[in-house]
Amino acid sequence: MAQSAWSRIKHSEAANGLALVSPTAIYAILLLAAPLLTIFAFSFFKDGYLTVIREVTLENYIAVWSDPIFRSILLRSLIVAGLVTLATVALAFPVAYFLSFKLRPERKSLWLFLITIPFWTSYLIRVFLWKVILGYNGVINSGLKSLGLIGDGRLIEDPIQMLNTVGAITVTLAHAYAPFAILPIFVALEKIDRSLLEAGQDLGESKAMTFLRVTLPLAMPGVVAAVLIVFIPTIGDYVTPELIGGGKLPMVANMIQAQLLPLDNKPMGSAIAISAMAVVALISLGFVAMNRRYLRGAK
């Protein structure tokens, strides 16, 4: 009887599915969950000289949230991530719409291939290229000089200071994460039944109203995916604020790095990391909840 039950379980779809998923699940647990649990545990320990005192305490979290510098840097990180997400998704949607609705099917794969070309180079190299473009003597300022727009008595007196600004960080990150936004929106648009759009226009709706009432609601899952894919890693970016911001506009990741490496305060750095993760998780869940309400209202 027991052998028969085991045989049924062994040949069931659930068992076969679990067998297929388990290697990936174990890999994810070891490489993702284990480090996160380690950081979570460290955030409750005390810092000693070049060591960690394993005594449970809430002092790290109290110190983090009572620190005005942390609150200021967290707010800046949220603003920058929000601006990057808004700019990236706003620019990605027209590109994805063009790929899905305006191109012939045989040309779509070529355009998607072209969109992935920036990934052929290192992220660090792309950030350095933006530093060259936006620099004091960079491509933009040199171009304006050659046009005679910069100089004494000209339209612009001195070269434009673009580096070490929130705008420069936003532009660099928006460029870096643009393909991440285009692809999920494109997939969502591809799933839309074209007959629904034709039906809307047959009923007398204009193209603009058909877009707002049919296309946009049906594409919202892709938009939400793009927002989350861009917003979550952007708020934790370390390289761009360091190179493009010149270290003068640090974000949360830079603060974590300073605590973990130069100051060697692993509990405090872990507490900052967990606090930032909690804020991002709450914002992301809130956005997903609002999107669900929007989709229900659209139906």
C-alpha atoms as a PDB file:
ATOM      1  CA  MET A   1       0.000   0.000   0.000  1.00  0.00           C
ATOM      2  CA  ALA A   2       2.762   2.421   0.998  1.00  0.00           C
ATOM      3  CA  GLN A   3       4.770   1.431  -2.085  1.00  0.00           C
ATOM      4  CA  SER A   4       1.746   2.096  -4.313  1.00  0.00           C
ATOM      5  CA  ALA A   5       1.212   5.535  -2.770  1.00  0.00           C
ATOM      6  CA  TRP A   6       4.886   6.383  -3.227  1.00  0.00           C
ATOM      7  CA  SER A   7       4.691   5.267  -6.859  1.00  0.00           C
ATOM      8  CA  ARG A   8       1.688   7.555  -7.477  1.00  0.00           C
ATOM      9  CA  ILE A   9       3.484  10.518  -5.863  1.00  0.00           C
ATOM     10  CA  LYS A  10       6.653   9.793  -7.806  1.00  0.00           C
ATOM     11  CA  HIS A  11       4.841   9.846 -11.158  1.00  0.00           C
ATOM     12  CA  SER A  12       2.532  12.761 -10.383  1.00  0.00           C
ATOM     13  CA  GLU A  13       2.819  16.107 -12.196  1.00  0.00           C
ATOM     14  CA  ALA A  14       3.563  17.924  -8.935  1.00  0.00           C
ATOM     15  CA  ALA A  15       6.498  15.628  -8.177  1.00  0.00           C
ATOM     16  CA  ASN A  16       7.885  15.963 -11.694  1.00  0.00           C
ATOM     17  CA  GLY A  17       7.513  19.744 -11.533  1.00  0.00           C
ATOM     18  CA  LEU A  18       9.236  19.855  -8.143  1.00  0.00           C
ATOM     19  CA  ALA A  19      12.083  17.744  -9.484  1.00  0.00           C
ATOM     20  CA  LEU A  20      12.567  20.182 -12.362  1.00  0.00           C
ATOM     21  CA  VAL A  21      12.385  23.291 -10.173  1.00  0.00           C
ATOM     22  CA  SER A  22      14.406  22.061  -7.188  1.00  0.00           C
ATOM     23  CA  PRO A  23      17.933  22.594  -8.676  1.00  0.00           C
ATOM     24  CA  THR A  24      17.043  26.207  -9.529  1.00  0.00           C
ATOM     25  CA  ALA A  25      15.350  26.707  -6.160  1.00  0.00           C
ATOM     26  CA  ILE A  26      18.388  25.379  -4.277  1.00  0.00           C
ATOM     27  CA  TYR A  27      20.683  27.604  -6.367  1.00  0.00           C
ATOM     28  CA  ALA A  28      18.497  30.650  -5.637  1.00  0.00           C
ATOM     29  CA  ILE A  29      18.379  29.875  -1.916  1.00  0.00           C
ATOM     30  CA  LEU A  30      22.142  29.500  -1.676  1.00  0.00           C
ATOM     31  CA  LEU A  31      23.038  32.594  -3.718  1.00  0.00           C
ATOM     32  CA  LEU A  32      20.164  34.928  -2.829  1.00  0.00           C
ATOM     33  CA  ALA A  33      18.393  33.950   0.369  1.00  0.00           C
ATOM     34  CA  ALA A  34      21.513  32.987   2.331  1.00  0.00           C
ATOM     35  CA  PRO A  35      23.289  36.376   1.850  1.00  0.00           C
ATOM     36  CA  LEU A  36      20.076  38.264   2.644  1.00  0.00           C
ATOM     37  CA  LEU A  37      19.547  36.259   5.826  1.00  0.00           C
ATOM     38  CA  THR A  38      23.177  36.901   6.786  1.00  0.00           C
ATOM     39  CA  ILE A  39      22.761  40.668   6.339  1.00  0.00           C
ATOM     40  CA  PHE A  40      19.468  40.544   8.254  1.00  0.00           C
ATOM     41  CA  ALA A  41      21.155  38.731  11.146  1.00  0.00           C
ATOM     42  CA  PHE A  42      24.159  41.099  11.163  1.00  0.00           C
ATOM     43  CA  SER A  43      21.813  44.101  11.412  1.00  0.00           C
ATOM     44  CA  PHE A  44      20.843  42.990  14.937  1.00  0.00           C
ATOM     45  CA  PHE A  45      24.427  42.511  16.170  1.00  0.00           C
ATOM     46  CA  LYS A  46      26.804  44.990  17.807  1.00  0.00           C
ATOM     47  CA  ASP A  47      29.946  46.379  16.256  1.00  0.00           C
ATOM     48  CA  GLY A  48      33.267  45.790  17.971  1.00  0.00           C
ATOM     49  CA  TYR A  49      36.765  46.804  16.977  1.00  0.00           C
ATOM     50  CA  LEU A  50      37.441  44.799  13.766  1.00  0.00           C
ATOM     51  CA  THR A  51      34.869  42.225  14.867  1.00  0.00           C
ATOM     52  CA  VAL A  52      31.136  41.678  15.233  1.00  0.00           C
ATOM     53  CA  ILE A  53      29.704  41.096  18.711  1.00  0.00           C
ATOM     54  CA  ARG A  54      26.882  38.578  18.405  1.00  0.00           C
ATOM     55  CA  GLU A  55      24.513  40.185  20.888  1.00  0.00           C
ATOM     56  CA  VAL A  56      20.982  40.910  19.674  1.00  0.00           C
ATOM     57  CA  THR A  57      20.122  44.601  19.787  1.00  0.00           C
ATOM     58  CA  LEU A  58      17.941  47.214  18.058  1.00  0.00           C
ATOM     59  CA  GLU A  59      20.526  49.973  18.503  1.00  0.00           C
ATOM     60  CA  ASN A  60      21.535  49.875  14.833  1.00  0.00           C
ATOM     61  CA  TYR A  61      18.005  50.491  13.575  1.00  0.00           C
ATOM     62  CA  ILE A  62      17.434  53.221  16.164  1.00  0.00           C
ATOM     63  CA  ALA A  63      20.675  54.915  15.111  1.00  0.00           C
ATOM     64  CA  VAL A  64      19.811  54.596  11.408  1.00  0.00           C
ATOM     65  CA  TRP A  65      16.311  56.056  11.585  1.00  0.00           C
ATOM     66  CA  SER A  66      17.288  58.799  14.025  1.00  0.00           C
ATOM     67  CA  ASP A  67      20.120  59.928  11.718  1.00  0.00           C
ATOM     68  CA  PRO A  68      19.036  62.933   9.581  1.00  0.00           C
ATOM     69  CA  ILE A  69      21.823  62.158   7.100  1.00  0.00           C
ATOM     70  CA  PHE A  70      20.368  58.719   6.391  1.00  0.00           C
ATOM     71  CA  ARG A  71      16.875  60.158   5.950  1.00  0.00           C
ATOM     72  CA  SER A  72      18.202  62.820   3.588  1.00  0.00           C
ATOM     73  CA  ILE A  73      20.183  60.325   1.499  1.00  0.00           C
ATOM     74  CA  LEU A  74      17.257  57.882   1.414  1.00  0.00           C
ATOM     75  CA  LEU A  75      14.944  60.672   0.218  1.00  0.00           C
ATOM     76  CA  ARG A  76      17.457  61.659  -2.475  1.00  0.00           C
ATOM     77  CA  SER A  77      17.724  58.018  -3.553  1.00  0.00           C
ATOM     78  CA  LEU A  78      13.932  57.726  -3.831  1.00  0.00           C
ATOM     79  CA  ILE A  79      13.693  60.966  -5.821  1.00  0.00           C
ATOM     80  CA  VAL A  80      16.473  59.947  -8.220  1.00  0.00           C
ATOM     81  CA  ALA A  81      15.005  56.451  -8.646  1.00  0.00           C
ATOM     82  CA  GLY A  82      11.568  57.966  -9.248  1.00  0.00           C
ATOM     83  CA  LEU A  83      12.897  60.410 -11.855  1.00  0.00           C
ATOM     84  CA  VAL A  84      14.870  57.676 -13.608  1.00  0.00           C
ATOM     85  CA  THR A  85      11.850  55.361 -13.639  1.00  0.00           C
ATOM     86  CA  LEU A  86       9.533  58.085 -14.951  1.00  0.00           C
ATOM     87  CA  ALA A  87      11.962  59.136 -17.695  1.00  0.00           C
ATOM     88  CA  THR A  88      12.834  55.571 -18.688  1.00  0.00           C
ATOM     89  CA  VAL A  89       9.256  54.256 -18.889  1.00  0.00           C
ATOM     90  CA  ALA A  90       7.973  57.430 -20.595  1.00  0.00           C
ATOM     91  CA  LEU A  91      10.630  57.056 -23.302  1.00  0.00           C
ATOM     92  CA  ALA A  92      10.420  53.263 -23.476  1.00  0.00           C
ATOM     93  CA  PHE A  93       6.666  53.082 -24.107  1.00  0.00           C
ATOM     94  CA  PRO A  94       6.736  54.871 -27.507  1.00  0.00           C
ATOM     95  CA  VAL A  95       9.674  52.708 -28.602  1.00  0.00           C
ATOM     96  CA  ALA A  96       7.893  49.507 -27.543  1.00  0.00           C
ATOM     97  CA  TYR A  97       4.665  50.729 -29.203  1.00  0.00           C
ATOM     98  CA  PHE A  98       6.546  51.394 -32.434  1.00  0.00           C
ATOM     99  CA  LEU A  99       8.146  47.954 -32.353  1.00  0.00           C
ATOM    100  CA  SER A 100       4.854  46.191 -31.690  1.00  0.00           C
ATOM    101  CA  PHE A 101       2.377  48.113 -33.861  1.00  0.00           C
ATOM    102  CA  LYS A 102       4.353  49.843 -36.612  1.00  0.00           C
ATOM    103  CA  LEU A 103       6.911  47.265 -37.719  1.00  0.00           C
ATOM    104  CA  ARG A 104       6.330  44.228 -39.880  1.00  0.00           C
ATOM    105  CA  PRO A 105       6.729  40.953 -37.932  1.00  0.00           C
ATOM    106  CA  GLU A 106       9.875  39.926 -39.803  1.00  0.00           C
ATOM    107  CA  ARG A 107      11.665  43.135 -38.753  1.00  0.00           C
ATOM    108  CA  LYS A 108      10.838  43.047 -35.031  1.00  0.00           C
ATOM    109  CA  SER A 109      13.587  40.605 -34.089  1.00  0.00           C
ATOM    110  CA  LEU A 110      16.207  42.812 -35.801  1.00  0.00           C
ATOM    111  CA  TRP A 111      15.078  45.893 -33.848  1.00  0.00           C
ATOM    112  CA  LEU A 112      15.037  43.951 -30.576  1.00  0.00           C
ATOM    113  CA  PHE A 113      18.568  42.825 -31.391  1.00  0.00           C
ATOM    114  CA  LEU A 114      19.624  46.455 -31.929  1.00  0.00           C
ATOM    115  CA  ILE A 115      18.090  47.472 -28.582  1.00  0.00           C
ATOM    116  CA  THR A 116      20.291  44.937 -26.767  1.00  0.00           C
ATOM    117  CA  ILE A 117      23.521  46.300 -28.316  1.00  0.00           C
ATOM    118  CA  PRO A 118      24.316  48.523 -25.254  1.00  0.00           C
ATOM    119  CA  PHE A 119      24.574  45.329 -23.183  1.00  0.00           C
ATOM    120  CA  TRP A 120      27.533  44.263 -25.287  1.00  0.00           C
ATOM    121  CA  THR A 121      29.713  46.679 -23.340  1.00  0.00           C
ATOM    122  CA  SER A 122      30.351  46.809 -19.620  1.00  0.00           C
ATOM    123  CA  TYR A 123      28.014  48.908 -17.472  1.00  0.00           C
ATOM    124  CA  LEU A 124      31.091  50.646 -16.058  1.00  0.00           C
ATOM    125  CA  ILE A 125      32.290  51.629 -19.546  1.00  0.00           C
ATOM    126  CA  ARG A 126      28.867  53.072 -20.402  1.00  0.00           C
ATOM    127  CA  VAL A 127      28.954  55.194 -17.242  1.00  0.00           C
ATOM    128  CA  PHE A 128      32.455  56.440 -18.119  1.00  0.00           C
ATOM    129  CA  LEU A 129      31.228  57.341 -21.612  1.00  0.00           C
ATOM    130  CA  TRP A 130      28.523  59.541 -20.094  1.00  0.00           C
ATOM    131  CA  LYS A 131      31.207  61.167 -17.958  1.00  0.00           C
ATOM    132  CA  VAL A 132      33.081  62.020 -21.160  1.00  0.00           C
ATOM    133  CA  ILE A 133      29.889  63.345 -22.781  1.00  0.00           C
ATOM    134  CA  LEU A 134      28.796  65.477 -19.816  1.00  0.00           C
ATOM    135  CA  GLY A 135      32.231  66.610 -18.622  1.00  0.00           C
ATOM    136  CA  TYR A 136      33.416  70.217 -18.290  1.00  0.00           C
ATOM    137  CA  ASN A 137      35.422  69.761 -21.501  1.00  0.00           C
ATOM    138  CA  GLY A 138      33.224  66.913 -22.728  1.00  0.00           C
ATOM    139  CA  VAL A 139      31.425  66.281 -25.994  1.00  0.00           C
ATOM    140  CA  ILE A 140      28.473  68.631 -25.326  1.00  0.00           C
ATOM    141  CA  ASN A 141      30.542  71.593 -24.138  1.00  0.00           C
ATOM    142  CA  SER A 142      33.099  71.070 -26.922  1.00  0.00           C
ATOM    143  CA  GLY A 143      30.288  70.997 -29.478  1.00  0.00           C
ATOM    144  CA  LEU A 144      28.800  74.221 -28.126  1.00  0.00           C
ATOM    145  CA  LYS A 145      32.257  75.821 -28.211  1.00  0.00           C
ATOM    146  CA  SER A 146      32.783  74.810 -31.831  1.00  0.00           C
ATOM    147  CA  LEU A 147      29.417  76.384 -32.681  1.00  0.00           C
ATOM    148  CA  GLY A 148      30.547  79.616 -31.017  1.00  0.00           C
ATOM    149  CA  LEU A 149      27.923  79.503 -28.288  1.00  0.00           C
ATOM    150  CA  ILE A 150      30.366  79.370 -25.351  1.00  0.00           C
ATOM    151  CA  GLY A 151      32.918  82.075 -24.575  1.00  0.00           C
ATOM    152  CA  ASP A 152      33.284  85.734 -23.649  1.00  0.00           C
ATOM    153  CA  GLY A 153      30.411  87.720 -25.046  1.00  0.00           C
ATOM    154  CA  ARG A 154      28.706  84.591 -26.308  1.00  0.00           C
ATOM    155  CA  LEU A 155      25.301  83.160 -25.475  1.00  0.00           C
ATOM    156  CA  ILE A 156      26.901  81.104 -22.680  1.00  0.00           C
ATOM    157  CA  GLU A 157      29.822  82.589 -20.739  1.00  0.00           C
ATOM    158  CA  ASP A 158      31.386  79.405 -19.303  1.00  0.00           C
ATOM    159  CA  PRO A 159      31.113  75.687 -20.060  1.00  0.00           C
ATOM    160  CA  ILE A 160      27.965  74.137 -18.604  1.00  0.00           C
ATOM    161  CA  GLN A 161      28.461  72.244 -15.350  1.00  0.00           C
ATOM    162  CA  MET A 162      26.563  68.985 -15.951  1.00  0.00           C
ATOM    163  CA  LEU A 163      28.508  66.485 -13.870  1.00  0.00           C
ATOM    164  CA  ASN A 164      27.934  66.201 -10.117  1.00  0.00           C
ATOM    165  CA  THR A 165      24.207  66.910 -10.567  1.00  0.00           C
ATOM    166  CA  VAL A 166      21.024  64.906 -10.064  1.00  0.00           C
ATOM    167  CA  GLY A 167      20.166  65.497 -13.726  1.00  0.00           C
ATOM    168  CA  ALA A 168      23.400  63.871 -14.917  1.00  0.00           C
ATOM    169  CA  ILE A 169      22.819  60.850 -12.656  1.00  0.00           C
ATOM    170  CA  THR A 170      19.231  60.569 -13.912  1.00  0.00           C
ATOM    171  CA  VAL A 171      20.224  60.692 -17.595  1.00  0.00           C
ATOM    172  CA  THR A 172      22.976  58.104 -17.138  1.00  0.00           C
ATOM    173  CA  LEU A 173      20.761  55.660 -15.243  1.00  0.00           C
ATOM    174  CA  ALA A 174      17.837  56.169 -17.646  1.00  0.00           C
ATOM    175  CA  HIS A 175      20.087  55.241 -20.566  1.00  0.00           C
ATOM    176  CA  ALA A 176      21.506  52.231 -18.721  1.00  0.00           C
ATOM    177  CA  TYR A 177      18.103  50.758 -17.846  1.00  0.00           C
ATOM    178  CA  ALA A 178      16.182  51.687 -21.025  1.00  0.00           C
ATOM    179  CA  PRO A 179      16.246  48.166 -22.551  1.00  0.00           C
ATOM    180  CA  PHE A 180      14.923  46.719 -19.271  1.00  0.00           C
ATOM    181  CA  ALA A 181      11.852  48.947 -19.681  1.00  0.00           C
ATOM    182  CA  ILE A 182      11.329  48.475 -23.411  1.00  0.00           C
ATOM    183  CA  LEU A 183      11.264  44.678 -23.436  1.00  0.00           C
ATOM    184  CA  PRO A 184       8.479  43.979 -20.863  1.00  0.00           C
ATOM    185  CA  ILE A 185       6.265  46.717 -22.352  1.00  0.00           C
ATOM    186  CA  PHE A 186       6.844  45.266 -25.824  1.00  0.00           C
ATOM    187  CA  VAL A 187       5.850  41.787 -24.635  1.00  0.00           C
ATOM    188  CA  ALA A 188       2.643  43.153 -23.074  1.00  0.00           C
ATOM    189  CA  LEU A 189       1.758  45.047 -26.263  1.00  0.00           C
ATOM    190  CA  GLU A 190       2.384  41.970 -28.390  1.00  0.00           C
ATOM    191  CA  LYS A 191      -0.216  40.029 -26.375  1.00  0.00           C
ATOM    192  CA  ILE A 192      -2.984  42.527 -27.153  1.00  0.00           C
ATOM    193  CA  ASP A 193      -5.607  41.169 -29.531  1.00  0.00           C
ATOM    194  CA  ARG A 194      -5.646  43.572 -32.491  1.00  0.00           C
ATOM    195  CA  SER A 195      -9.326  42.848 -33.088  1.00  0.00           C
ATOM    196  CA  LEU A 196     -10.120  44.678 -29.828  1.00  0.00           C
ATOM    197  CA  LEU A 197      -8.555  47.853 -31.221  1.00  0.00           C
ATOM    198  CA  GLU A 198     -10.453  47.475 -34.474  1.00  0.00           C
ATOM    199  CA  ALA A 199     -13.689  46.936 -32.547  1.00  0.00           C
ATOM    200  CA  GLY A 200     -13.115  50.126 -30.566  1.00  0.00           C
ATOM    201  CA  GLN A 201     -12.622  52.180 -33.720  1.00  0.00           C
ATOM    202  CA  ASP A 202     -15.625  50.520 -35.401  1.00  0.00           C
ATOM    203  CA  LEU A 203     -17.737  51.720 -32.454  1.00  0.00           C
ATOM    204  CA  GLY A 204     -16.741  55.290 -33.191  1.00  0.00           C
ATOM    205  CA  GLU A 205     -13.794  55.756 -30.799  1.00  0.00           C
ATOM    206  CA  SER A 206     -10.893  57.875 -31.979  1.00  0.00           C
ATOM    207  CA  LYS A 207      -7.388  56.413 -32.057  1.00  0.00           C
ATOM    208  CA  ALA A 208      -6.461  58.412 -28.959  1.00  0.00           C
ATOM    209  CA  MET A 209      -9.470  57.149 -26.975  1.00  0.00           C
ATOM    210  CA  THR A 210      -8.889  53.583 -28.175  1.00  0.00           C
ATOM    211  CA  PHE A 211      -5.333  53.852 -26.916  1.00  0.00           C
ATOM    212  CA  LEU A 212      -6.435  55.193 -23.515  1.00  0.00           C
ATOM    213  CA  ARG A 213      -9.351  52.784 -23.036  1.00  0.00           C
ATOM    214  CA  VAL A 214      -7.973  49.597 -24.612  1.00  0.00           C
ATOM    215  CA  THR A 215      -4.245  49.623 -25.367  1.00  0.00           C
ATOM    216  CA  LEU A 216      -2.959  51.290 -22.202  1.00  0.00           C
ATOM    217  CA  PRO A 217      -4.998  49.195 -19.700  1.00  0.00           C
ATOM    218  CA  LEU A 218      -4.003  45.963 -21.458  1.00  0.00           C
ATOM    219  CA  ALA A 219      -0.353  47.070 -21.509  1.00  0.00           C
ATOM    220  CA  MET A 220      -0.291  47.984 -17.807  1.00  0.00           C
ATOM    221  CA  PRO A 221       1.206  44.617 -16.666  1.00  0.00           C
ATOM    222  CA  GLY A 222       4.213  45.362 -18.874  1.00  0.00           C
ATOM    223  CA  VAL A 223       4.400  48.955 -17.616  1.00  0.00           C
ATOM    224  CA  VAL A 224       4.300  47.767 -13.993  1.00  0.00           C
ATOM    225  CA  ALA A 225       7.024  45.215 -14.719  1.00  0.00           C
ATOM    226  CA  ALA A 226       9.142  47.941 -16.352  1.00  0.00           C
ATOM    227  CA  VAL A 227       8.633  50.295 -13.396  1.00  0.00           C
ATOM    228  CA  LEU A 228       9.682  47.682 -10.869  1.00  0.00           C
ATOM    229  CA  ILE A 229      12.597  46.431 -12.976  1.00  0.00           C
ATOM    230  CA  VAL A 230      13.970  49.976 -13.268  1.00  0.00           C
ATOM    231  CA  PHE A 231      13.061  51.423  -9.862  1.00  0.00           C
ATOM    232  CA  ILE A 232      14.388  48.624  -7.624  1.00  0.00           C
ATOM    233  CA  PRO A 233      17.960  48.367  -8.968  1.00  0.00           C
ATOM    234  CA  THR A 234      18.230  52.125  -9.575  1.00  0.00           C
ATOM    235  CA  ILE A 235      17.735  53.017  -5.923  1.00  0.00           C
ATOM    236  CA  GLY A 236      20.584  50.663  -5.031  1.00  0.00           C
ATOM    237  CA  ASP A 237      23.003  51.815  -7.722  1.00  0.00           C
ATOM    238  CA  TYR A 238      26.508  52.590  -6.466  1.00  0.00           C
ATOM    239  CA  VAL A 239      28.667  53.220  -9.547  1.00  0.00           C
ATOM    240  CA  THR A 240      26.763  56.099 -11.195  1.00  0.00           C
ATOM    241  CA  PRO A 241      26.457  58.378  -8.117  1.00  0.00           C
ATOM    242  CA  GLU A 242      30.146  57.757  -7.432  1.00  0.00           C
ATOM    243  CA  LEU A 243      31.415  58.520 -10.954  1.00  0.00           C
ATOM    244  CA  ILE A 244      28.818  60.880 -12.435  1.00  0.00           C
ATOM    245  CA  GLY A 245      27.927  62.491  -9.097  1.00  0.00           C
ATOM    246  CA  GLY A 246      31.594  62.711  -8.105  1.00  0.00           C
ATOM    247  CA  GLY A 247      30.749  61.329  -4.663  1.00  0.00           C
ATOM    248  CA  LYS A 248      29.040  64.643  -3.834  1.00  0.00           C
ATOM    249  CA  LEU A 249      25.524  63.237  -4.222  1.00  0.00           C
ATOM    250  CA  PRO A 250      25.710  59.858  -2.455  1.00  0.00           C
ATOM    251  CA  MET A 251      22.792  57.457  -2.517  1.00  0.00           C
ATOM    252  CA  VAL A 252      21.897  54.618  -0.178  1.00  0.00           C
ATOM    253  CA  ALA A 253      24.326  52.161  -1.794  1.00  0.00           C
ATOM    254  CA  ASN A 254      27.225  54.585  -1.282  1.00  0.00           C
ATOM    255  CA  MET A 255      26.276  54.950   2.390  1.00  0.00           C
ATOM    256  CA  ILE A 256      26.165  51.161   2.808  1.00  0.00           C
ATOM    257  CA  GLN A 257      29.563  50.813   1.131  1.00  0.00           C
ATOM    258  CA  ALA A 258      31.067  53.445   3.433  1.00  0.00           C
ATOM    259  CA  GLN A 259      29.829  51.585   6.523  1.00  0.00           C
ATOM    260  CA  LEU A 260      30.857  48.106   5.368  1.00  0.00           C
ATOM    261  CA  LEU A 261      34.315  48.862   3.956  1.00  0.00           C
ATOM    262  CA  PRO A 262      36.042  52.105   5.088  1.00  0.00           C
ATOM    263  CA  LEU A 263      34.362  52.204   8.513  1.00  0.00           C
ATOM    264  CA  ASP A 264      34.205  48.386   8.859  1.00  0.00           C
ATOM    265  CA  ASN A 265      30.857  48.644  10.669  1.00  0.00           C
ATOM    266  CA  LYS A 266      29.042  45.623   9.280  1.00  0.00           C
ATOM    267  CA  PRO A 267      26.032  45.758  11.659  1.00  0.00           C
ATOM    268  CA  MET A 268      25.318  49.402  10.831  1.00  0.00           C
ATOM    269  CA  GLY A 269      25.769  48.846   7.103  1.00  0.00           C
ATOM    270  CA  SER A 270      23.464  45.829   7.284  1.00  0.00           C
ATOM    271  CA  ALA A 271      20.829  47.838   9.175  1.00  0.00           C
ATOM    272  CA  ILE A 272      20.940  50.557   6.492  1.00  0.00           C
ATOM    273  CA  ALA A 273      20.601  47.922   3.759  1.00  0.00           C
ATOM    274  CA  ILE A 274      17.623  46.208   5.423  1.00  0.00           C
ATOM    275  CA  SER A 275      15.948  49.564   6.113  1.00  0.00           C
ATOM    276  CA  ALA A 276      16.315  50.629   2.474  1.00  0.00           C
ATOM    277  CA  MET A 277      15.039  47.240   1.289  1.00  0.00           C
ATOM    278  CA  ALA A 278      11.973  47.553   3.516  1.00  0.00           C
ATOM    279  CA  VAL A 279      11.159  51.021   2.137  1.00  0.00           C
ATOM    280  CA  VAL A 280      11.568  49.849  -1.468  1.00  0.00           C
ATOM    281  CA  ALA A 281       9.428  46.764  -0.797  1.00  0.00           C
ATOM    282  CA  LEU A 282       6.614  48.872   0.690  1.00  0.00           C
ATOM    283  CA  ILE A 283       6.662  51.311  -2.227  1.00  0.00           C
ATOM    284  CA  SER A 284       6.714  48.469  -4.766  1.00  0.00           C
ATOM    285  CA  LEU A 285       3.830  46.632  -3.090  1.00  0.00           C
ATOM    286  CA  GLY A 286       1.856  49.879  -2.893  1.00  0.00           C
ATOM    287  CA  PHE A 287       2.389  50.502  -6.595  1.00  0.00           C
ATOM    288  CA  VAL A 288       1.320  46.951  -7.497  1.00  0.00           C
ATOM    289  CA  ALA A 289      -1.814  47.319  -5.345  1.00  0.00           C
ATOM    290  CA  MET A 290      -2.734  50.626  -7.039  1.00  0.00           C
ATOM    291  CA  ASN A 291      -2.190  49.028 -10.439  1.00  0.00           C
ATOM    292  CA  ARG A 292      -4.570  46.180  -9.588  1.00  0.00           C
ATOM    293  CA  ARG A 293      -7.248  48.686  -8.608  1.00  0.00           C
ATOM    294  CA  TYR A 294      -6.658  50.518 -11.860  1.00  0.00           C
ATOM    295  CA  LEU A 295      -7.043  47.321 -13.884  1.00  0.00           C
ATOM    296  CA  ARG A 296     -10.257  46.403 -12.046  1.00  0.00           C
ATOM    297  CA  GLY A 297     -11.635  49.880 -12.733  1.00  0.00           C
ATOM    298  CA  ALA A 298     -10.653  49.585 -16.398  1.00  0.00           C
ATOM    299  CA  LYS A 299     -12.629  46.360 -16.701  1.00  0.00           C
END
